[in-house]
């Protein structure tokens, strides 16, 4: 549902990882921002084993649709 997009992070001034082409969003309709959603565990596993971070793990504001190739950003 999303890859490259020149924009700030939601609720902030810092640029989103989408600006750098190192983030992707999947199935936004069933994985809304603020929820863990229903991302298939197999997909999450594939990204994690390649060093990507899954937004569904974020405690403060989960983002179940989101994966990114940057940690702690």
PDB file of N, CA and C in Angstrom:
ATOM      1  N   UNK A   1       0.805  -1.209   0.000  1.00  0.00           N
ATOM      2  CA  UNK A   1       0.000   0.000   0.000  1.00  0.00           C
ATOM      3  C   UNK A   1       0.839   1.260   0.000  1.00  0.00           C
ATOM      4  N   UNK A   2       2.122   1.139   0.272  1.00  0.00           N
ATOM      5  CA  UNK A   2       2.957   2.326   0.255  1.00  0.00           C
ATOM      6  C   UNK A   2       4.418   1.964   0.285  1.00  0.00           C
ATOM      7  N   UNK A   3       5.199   2.736  -0.403  1.00  0.00           N
ATOM      8  CA  UNK A   3       6.648   2.560  -0.391  1.00  0.00           C
ATOM      9  C   UNK A   3       7.252   3.959  -0.339  1.00  0.00           C
ATOM     10  N   UNK A   4       7.793   4.455  -1.460  1.00  0.00           N
ATOM     11  CA  UNK A   4       8.389   5.786  -1.468  1.00  0.00           C
ATOM     12  C   UNK A   4       7.311   6.861  -1.318  1.00  0.00           C
ATOM     13  N   UNK A   5       7.537   7.769  -0.376  1.00  0.00           N
ATOM     14  CA  UNK A   5       6.661   8.934  -0.200  1.00  0.00           C
ATOM     15  C   UNK A   5       7.472  10.005   0.510  1.00  0.00           C
ATOM     16  N   UNK A   6       7.562  11.180  -0.071  1.00  0.00           N
ATOM     17  CA  UNK A   6       8.297  12.279   0.547  1.00  0.00           C
ATOM     18  C   UNK A   6       7.374  12.942   1.559  1.00  0.00           C
ATOM     19  N   UNK A   7       7.616  12.633   2.853  1.00  0.00           N
ATOM     20  CA  UNK A   7       6.768  13.188   3.905  1.00  0.00           C
ATOM     21  C   UNK A   7       7.453  13.061   5.257  1.00  0.00           C
ATOM     22  N   UNK A   8       6.907  13.772   6.232  1.00  0.00           N
ATOM     23  CA  UNK A   8       7.373  13.665   7.609  1.00  0.00           C
ATOM     24  C   UNK A   8       6.724  12.455   8.268  1.00  0.00           C
ATOM     25  N   UNK A   9       7.326  12.024   9.372  1.00  0.00           N
ATOM     26  CA  UNK A   9       6.709  10.968  10.165  1.00  0.00           C
ATOM     27  C   UNK A   9       5.386  11.500  10.712  1.00  0.00           C
ATOM     28  N   UNK A  10       4.424  10.633  10.908  1.00  0.00           N
ATOM     29  CA  UNK A  10       3.137  11.052  11.455  1.00  0.00           C
ATOM     30  C   UNK A  10       3.353  11.704  12.818  1.00  0.00           C
ATOM     31  N   UNK A  11       2.815  12.906  12.980  1.00  0.00           N
ATOM     32  CA  UNK A  11       2.901  13.616  14.250  1.00  0.00           C
ATOM     33  C   UNK A  11       4.249  14.236  14.552  1.00  0.00           C
ATOM     34  N   UNK A  12       5.108  14.412  13.550  1.00  0.00           N
ATOM     35  CA  UNK A  12       6.417  14.993  13.814  1.00  0.00           C
ATOM     36  C   UNK A  12       6.997  15.715  12.625  1.00  0.00           C
ATOM     37  N   UNK A  13       8.191  16.245  12.824  1.00  0.00           N
ATOM     38  CA  UNK A  13       8.869  16.974  11.757  1.00  0.00           C
ATOM     39  C   UNK A  13       9.972  16.145  11.109  1.00  0.00           C
ATOM     40  N   UNK A  14      10.382  15.049  11.764  1.00  0.00           N
ATOM     41  CA  UNK A  14      11.441  14.194  11.232  1.00  0.00           C
ATOM     42  C   UNK A  14      10.940  13.482   9.976  1.00  0.00           C
ATOM     43  N   UNK A  15      11.817  13.360   8.973  1.00  0.00           N
ATOM     44  CA  UNK A  15      11.423  12.684   7.737  1.00  0.00           C
ATOM     45  C   UNK A  15      11.134  11.211   7.980  1.00  0.00           C
ATOM     46  N   UNK A  16      10.146  10.705   7.296  1.00  0.00           N
ATOM     47  CA  UNK A  16       9.769   9.302   7.362  1.00  0.00           C
ATOM     48  C   UNK A  16      10.804   8.438   6.652  1.00  0.00           C
ATOM     49  N   UNK A  17      10.916   7.175   7.059  1.00  0.00           N
ATOM     50  CA  UNK A  17      11.793   6.238   6.361  1.00  0.00           C
ATOM     51  C   UNK A  17      11.291   5.985   4.945  1.00  0.00           C
ATOM     52  N   UNK A  18      10.029   6.301   4.681  1.00  0.00           N
ATOM     53  CA  UNK A  18       9.500   6.176   3.313  1.00  0.00           C
ATOM     54  C   UNK A  18      10.204   7.146   2.359  1.00  0.00           C
ATOM     55  N   UNK A  19      10.711   8.264   2.893  1.00  0.00           N
ATOM     56  CA  UNK A  19      11.434   9.242   2.068  1.00  0.00           C
ATOM     57  C   UNK A  19      12.707   8.662   1.469  1.00  0.00           C
ATOM     58  N   UNK A  20      13.283   7.720   2.155  1.00  0.00           N
ATOM     59  CA  UNK A  20      14.568   7.164   1.739  1.00  0.00           C
ATOM     60  C   UNK A  20      14.408   5.843   0.981  1.00  0.00           C
ATOM     61  N   UNK A  21      13.172   5.429   0.773  1.00  0.00           N
ATOM     62  CA  UNK A  21      12.936   4.180   0.055  1.00  0.00           C
ATOM     63  C   UNK A  21      13.322   2.953   0.856  1.00  0.00           C
ATOM     64  N   UNK A  22      13.321   3.077   2.186  1.00  0.00           N
ATOM     65  CA  UNK A  22      13.701   1.950   3.043  1.00  0.00           C
ATOM     66  C   UNK A  22      12.545   1.514   3.941  1.00  0.00           C
ATOM     67  N   UNK A  23      11.303   1.762   3.487  1.00  0.00           N
ATOM     68  CA  UNK A  23      10.126   1.345   4.237  1.00  0.00           C
ATOM     69  C   UNK A  23       9.002   0.987   3.268  1.00  0.00           C
ATOM     70  N   UNK A  24       8.167   0.050   3.720  1.00  0.00           N
ATOM     71  CA  UNK A  24       7.004  -0.352   2.931  1.00  0.00           C
ATOM     72  C   UNK A  24       5.823  -0.595   3.862  1.00  0.00           C
ATOM     73  N   UNK A  25       4.622  -0.345   3.358  1.00  0.00           N
ATOM     74  CA  UNK A  25       3.389  -0.620   4.086  1.00  0.00           C
ATOM     75  C   UNK A  25       2.584  -1.655   3.315  1.00  0.00           C
ATOM     76  N   UNK A  26       2.009  -2.611   4.052  1.00  0.00           N
ATOM     77  CA  UNK A  26       1.216  -3.678   3.457  1.00  0.00           C
ATOM     78  C   UNK A  26      -0.184  -3.714   4.067  1.00  0.00           C
ATOM     79  N   UNK A  27      -1.180  -3.905   3.226  1.00  0.00           N
ATOM     80  CA  UNK A  27      -2.567  -4.121   3.675  1.00  0.00           C
ATOM     81  C   UNK A  27      -3.028  -3.093   4.702  1.00  0.00           C
ATOM     82  N   UNK A  28      -2.946  -1.827   4.344  1.00  0.00           N
ATOM     83  CA  UNK A  28      -3.323  -0.747   5.260  1.00  0.00           C
ATOM     84  C   UNK A  28      -4.759  -0.879   5.754  1.00  0.00           C
ATOM     85  N   UNK A  29      -5.632  -1.413   4.945  1.00  0.00           N
ATOM     86  CA  UNK A  29      -7.043  -1.534   5.330  1.00  0.00           C
ATOM     87  C   UNK A  29      -7.231  -2.445   6.541  1.00  0.00           C
ATOM     88  N   UNK A  30      -6.465  -3.525   6.615  1.00  0.00           N
ATOM     89  CA  UNK A  30      -6.615  -4.463   7.737  1.00  0.00           C
ATOM     90  C   UNK A  30      -5.479  -4.348   8.755  1.00  0.00           C
ATOM     91  N   UNK A  31      -4.538  -3.473   8.506  1.00  0.00           N
ATOM     92  CA  UNK A  31      -3.416  -3.231   9.421  1.00  0.00           C
ATOM     93  C   UNK A  31      -3.316  -1.737   9.706  1.00  0.00           C
ATOM     94  N   UNK A  32      -4.329  -1.152  10.359  1.00  0.00           N
ATOM     95  CA  UNK A  32      -4.341   0.300  10.537  1.00  0.00           C
ATOM     96  C   UNK A  32      -3.236   0.794  11.464  1.00  0.00           C
ATOM     97  N   UNK A  33      -2.807   2.027  11.227  1.00  0.00           N
ATOM     98  CA  UNK A  33      -1.829   2.681  12.095  1.00  0.00           C
ATOM     99  C   UNK A  33      -2.400   2.719  13.508  1.00  0.00           C
ATOM    100  N   UNK A  34      -1.594   2.358  14.486  1.00  0.00           N
ATOM    101  CA  UNK A  34      -2.044   2.331  15.872  1.00  0.00           C
ATOM    102  C   UNK A  34      -2.461   0.942  16.331  1.00  0.00           C
ATOM    103  N   UNK A  35      -2.391  -0.053  15.436  1.00  0.00           N
ATOM    104  CA  UNK A  35      -2.770  -1.426  15.781  1.00  0.00           C
ATOM    105  C   UNK A  35      -1.730  -2.403  15.238  1.00  0.00           C
ATOM    106  N   UNK A  36      -1.642  -3.567  15.877  1.00  0.00           N
ATOM    107  CA  UNK A  36      -0.734  -4.602  15.401  1.00  0.00           C
ATOM    108  C   UNK A  36      -1.251  -5.167  14.082  1.00  0.00           C
ATOM    109  N   UNK A  37      -2.567  -5.280  13.930  1.00  0.00           N
ATOM    110  CA  UNK A  37      -3.154  -5.734  12.675  1.00  0.00           C
ATOM    111  C   UNK A  37      -3.041  -7.231  12.460  1.00  0.00           C
ATOM    112  N   UNK A  38      -3.118  -7.636  11.187  1.00  0.00           N
ATOM    113  CA  UNK A  38      -3.155  -9.061  10.867  1.00  0.00           C
ATOM    114  C   UNK A  38      -2.083  -9.480   9.869  1.00  0.00           C
ATOM    115  N   UNK A  39      -0.922  -8.842   9.933  1.00  0.00           N
ATOM    116  CA  UNK A  39       0.171  -9.209   9.036  1.00  0.00           C
ATOM    117  C   UNK A  39       0.518 -10.681   9.247  1.00  0.00           C
ATOM    118  N   UNK A  40       0.654 -11.417   8.158  1.00  0.00           N
ATOM    119  CA  UNK A  40       1.002 -12.841   8.244  1.00  0.00           C
ATOM    120  C   UNK A  40       2.361 -13.007   8.924  1.00  0.00           C
ATOM    121  N   UNK A  41       2.452 -13.877   9.937  1.00  0.00           N
ATOM    122  CA  UNK A  41       3.725 -14.075  10.630  1.00  0.00           C
ATOM    123  C   UNK A  41       4.859 -14.478   9.694  1.00  0.00           C
ATOM    124  N   UNK A  42       4.541 -15.172   8.621  1.00  0.00           N
ATOM    125  CA  UNK A  42       5.571 -15.584   7.660  1.00  0.00           C
ATOM    126  C   UNK A  42       6.214 -14.378   6.979  1.00  0.00           C
ATOM    127  N   UNK A  43       5.406 -13.381   6.674  1.00  0.00           N
ATOM    128  CA  UNK A  43       5.926 -12.161   6.039  1.00  0.00           C
ATOM    129  C   UNK A  43       6.816 -11.406   7.021  1.00  0.00           C
ATOM    130  N   UNK A  44       6.338 -11.265   8.253  1.00  0.00           N
ATOM    131  CA  UNK A  44       7.134 -10.588   9.282  1.00  0.00           C
ATOM    132  C   UNK A  44       8.468 -11.315   9.459  1.00  0.00           C
ATOM    133  N   UNK A  45       8.442 -12.623   9.507  1.00  0.00           N
ATOM    134  CA  UNK A  45       9.655 -13.426   9.671  1.00  0.00           C
ATOM    135  C   UNK A  45      10.662 -13.185   8.540  1.00  0.00           C
ATOM    136  N   UNK A  46      10.177 -13.161   7.305  1.00  0.00           N
ATOM    137  CA  UNK A  46      11.059 -12.938   6.158  1.00  0.00           C
ATOM    138  C   UNK A  46      11.782 -11.600   6.287  1.00  0.00           C
ATOM    139  N   UNK A  47      11.057 -10.558   6.638  1.00  0.00           N
ATOM    140  CA  UNK A  47      11.690  -9.245   6.779  1.00  0.00           C
ATOM    141  C   UNK A  47      12.653  -9.218   7.960  1.00  0.00           C
ATOM    142  N   UNK A  48      12.238  -9.766   9.104  1.00  0.00           N
ATOM    143  CA  UNK A  48      13.112  -9.769  10.293  1.00  0.00           C
ATOM    144  C   UNK A  48      14.431 -10.492  10.026  1.00  0.00           C
ATOM    145  N   UNK A  49      14.366 -11.632   9.349  1.00  0.00           N
ATOM    146  CA  UNK A  49      15.593 -12.393   9.106  1.00  0.00           C
ATOM    147  C   UNK A  49      16.534 -11.680   8.145  1.00  0.00           C
ATOM    148  N   UNK A  50      16.036 -10.646   7.500  1.00  0.00           N
ATOM    149  CA  UNK A  50      16.878  -9.851   6.602  1.00  0.00           C
ATOM    150  C   UNK A  50      17.244  -8.501   7.212  1.00  0.00           C
ATOM    151  N   UNK A  51      16.997  -8.362   8.517  1.00  0.00           N
ATOM    152  CA  UNK A  51      17.419  -7.170   9.239  1.00  0.00           C
ATOM    153  C   UNK A  51      16.422  -6.032   9.291  1.00  0.00           C
ATOM    154  N   UNK A  52      15.208  -6.252   8.797  1.00  0.00           N
ATOM    155  CA  UNK A  52      14.194  -5.200   8.812  1.00  0.00           C
ATOM    156  C   UNK A  52      13.458  -5.202  10.147  1.00  0.00           C
ATOM    157  N   UNK A  53      12.858  -4.060  10.468  1.00  0.00           N
ATOM    158  CA  UNK A  53      12.072  -3.887  11.674  1.00  0.00           C
ATOM    159  C   UNK A  53      10.597  -3.848  11.303  1.00  0.00           C
ATOM    160  N   UNK A  54       9.755  -4.480  12.119  1.00  0.00           N
ATOM    161  CA  UNK A  54       8.308  -4.483  11.874  1.00  0.00           C
ATOM    162  C   UNK A  54       7.621  -3.529  12.846  1.00  0.00           C
ATOM    163  N   UNK A  55       6.795  -2.639  12.318  1.00  0.00           N
ATOM    164  CA  UNK A  55       6.078  -1.668  13.138  1.00  0.00           C
ATOM    165  C   UNK A  55       5.088  -2.273  14.111  1.00  0.00           C
ATOM    166  N   UNK A  56       4.654  -3.496  13.896  1.00  0.00           N
ATOM    167  CA  UNK A  56       3.745  -4.159  14.825  1.00  0.00           C
ATOM    168  C   UNK A  56       4.383  -4.432  16.175  1.00  0.00           C
ATOM    169  N   UNK A  57       5.712  -4.365  16.249  1.00  0.00           N
ATOM    170  CA  UNK A  57       6.435  -4.567  17.513  1.00  0.00           C
ATOM    171  C   UNK A  57       6.551  -3.280  18.333  1.00  0.00           C
ATOM    172  N   UNK A  58       6.227  -2.157  17.756  1.00  0.00           N
ATOM    173  CA  UNK A  58       6.394  -0.884  18.456  1.00  0.00           C
ATOM    174  C   UNK A  58       5.354  -0.767  19.559  1.00  0.00           C
ATOM    175  N   UNK A  59       5.784  -0.503  20.774  1.00  0.00           N
ATOM    176  CA  UNK A  59       4.881  -0.451  21.917  1.00  0.00           C
ATOM    177  C   UNK A  59       4.089   0.846  21.998  1.00  0.00           C
ATOM    178  N   UNK A  60       4.729   1.975  21.789  1.00  0.00           N
ATOM    179  CA  UNK A  60       4.051   3.265  21.947  1.00  0.00           C
ATOM    180  C   UNK A  60       2.976   3.489  20.892  1.00  0.00           C
ATOM    181  N   UNK A  61       3.295   3.221  19.621  1.00  0.00           N
ATOM    182  CA  UNK A  61       2.338   3.398  18.516  1.00  0.00           C
ATOM    183  C   UNK A  61       2.563   2.290  17.502  1.00  0.00           C
ATOM    184  N   UNK A  62       1.922   1.131  17.698  1.00  0.00           N
ATOM    185  CA  UNK A  62       2.113   0.041  16.744  1.00  0.00           C
ATOM    186  C   UNK A  62       1.708   0.456  15.335  1.00  0.00           C
ATOM    187  N   UNK A  63       2.380  -0.105  14.359  1.00  0.00           N
ATOM    188  CA  UNK A  63       2.088   0.187  12.957  1.00  0.00           C
ATOM    189  C   UNK A  63       2.217  -1.133  12.187  1.00  0.00           C
ATOM    190  N   UNK A  64       1.181  -1.966  12.302  1.00  0.00           N
ATOM    191  CA  UNK A  64       1.206  -3.315  11.783  1.00  0.00           C
ATOM    192  C   UNK A  64       1.382  -3.443  10.285  1.00  0.00           C
ATOM    193  N   UNK A  65       1.152  -2.374   9.539  1.00  0.00           N
ATOM    194  CA  UNK A  65       1.322  -2.424   8.082  1.00  0.00           C
ATOM    195  C   UNK A  65       2.765  -2.166   7.655  1.00  0.00           C
ATOM    196  N   UNK A  66       3.601  -1.694   8.576  1.00  0.00           N
ATOM    197  CA  UNK A  66       4.891  -1.083   8.248  1.00  0.00           C
ATOM    198  C   UNK A  66       6.087  -2.003   8.519  1.00  0.00           C
ATOM    199  N   UNK A  67       7.017  -2.049   7.569  1.00  0.00           N
ATOM    200  CA  UNK A  67       8.346  -2.648   7.762  1.00  0.00           C
ATOM    201  C   UNK A  67       9.362  -1.640   7.281  1.00  0.00           C
ATOM    202  N   UNK A  68      10.545  -1.620   7.941  1.00  0.00           N
ATOM    203  CA  UNK A  68      11.580  -0.669   7.525  1.00  0.00           C
ATOM    204  C   UNK A  68      12.956  -1.255   7.752  1.00  0.00           C
ATOM    205  N   UNK A  69      13.892  -0.815   6.929  1.00  0.00           N
ATOM    206  CA  UNK A  69      15.274  -1.286   6.994  1.00  0.00           C
ATOM    207  C   UNK A  69      16.110  -0.333   7.843  1.00  0.00           C
ATOM    208  N   UNK A  70      15.548   0.127   8.944  1.00  0.00           N
ATOM    209  CA  UNK A  70      16.238   0.997   9.894  1.00  0.00           C
ATOM    210  C   UNK A  70      15.667   0.707  11.270  1.00  0.00           C
ATOM    211  N   UNK A  71      16.520   0.648  12.269  1.00  0.00           N
ATOM    212  CA  UNK A  71      16.061   0.356  13.627  1.00  0.00           C
ATOM    213  C   UNK A  71      16.110   1.600  14.489  1.00  0.00           C
ATOM    214  N   UNK A  72      15.061   1.802  15.277  1.00  0.00           N
ATOM    215  CA  UNK A  72      15.031   2.912  16.209  1.00  0.00           C
ATOM    216  C   UNK A  72      14.879   4.281  15.577  1.00  0.00           C
ATOM    217  N   UNK A  73      14.400   4.332  14.361  1.00  0.00           N
ATOM    218  CA  UNK A  73      14.257   5.614  13.658  1.00  0.00           C
ATOM    219  C   UNK A  73      12.851   6.117  13.792  1.00  0.00           C
TER     220      UNK A  73
END
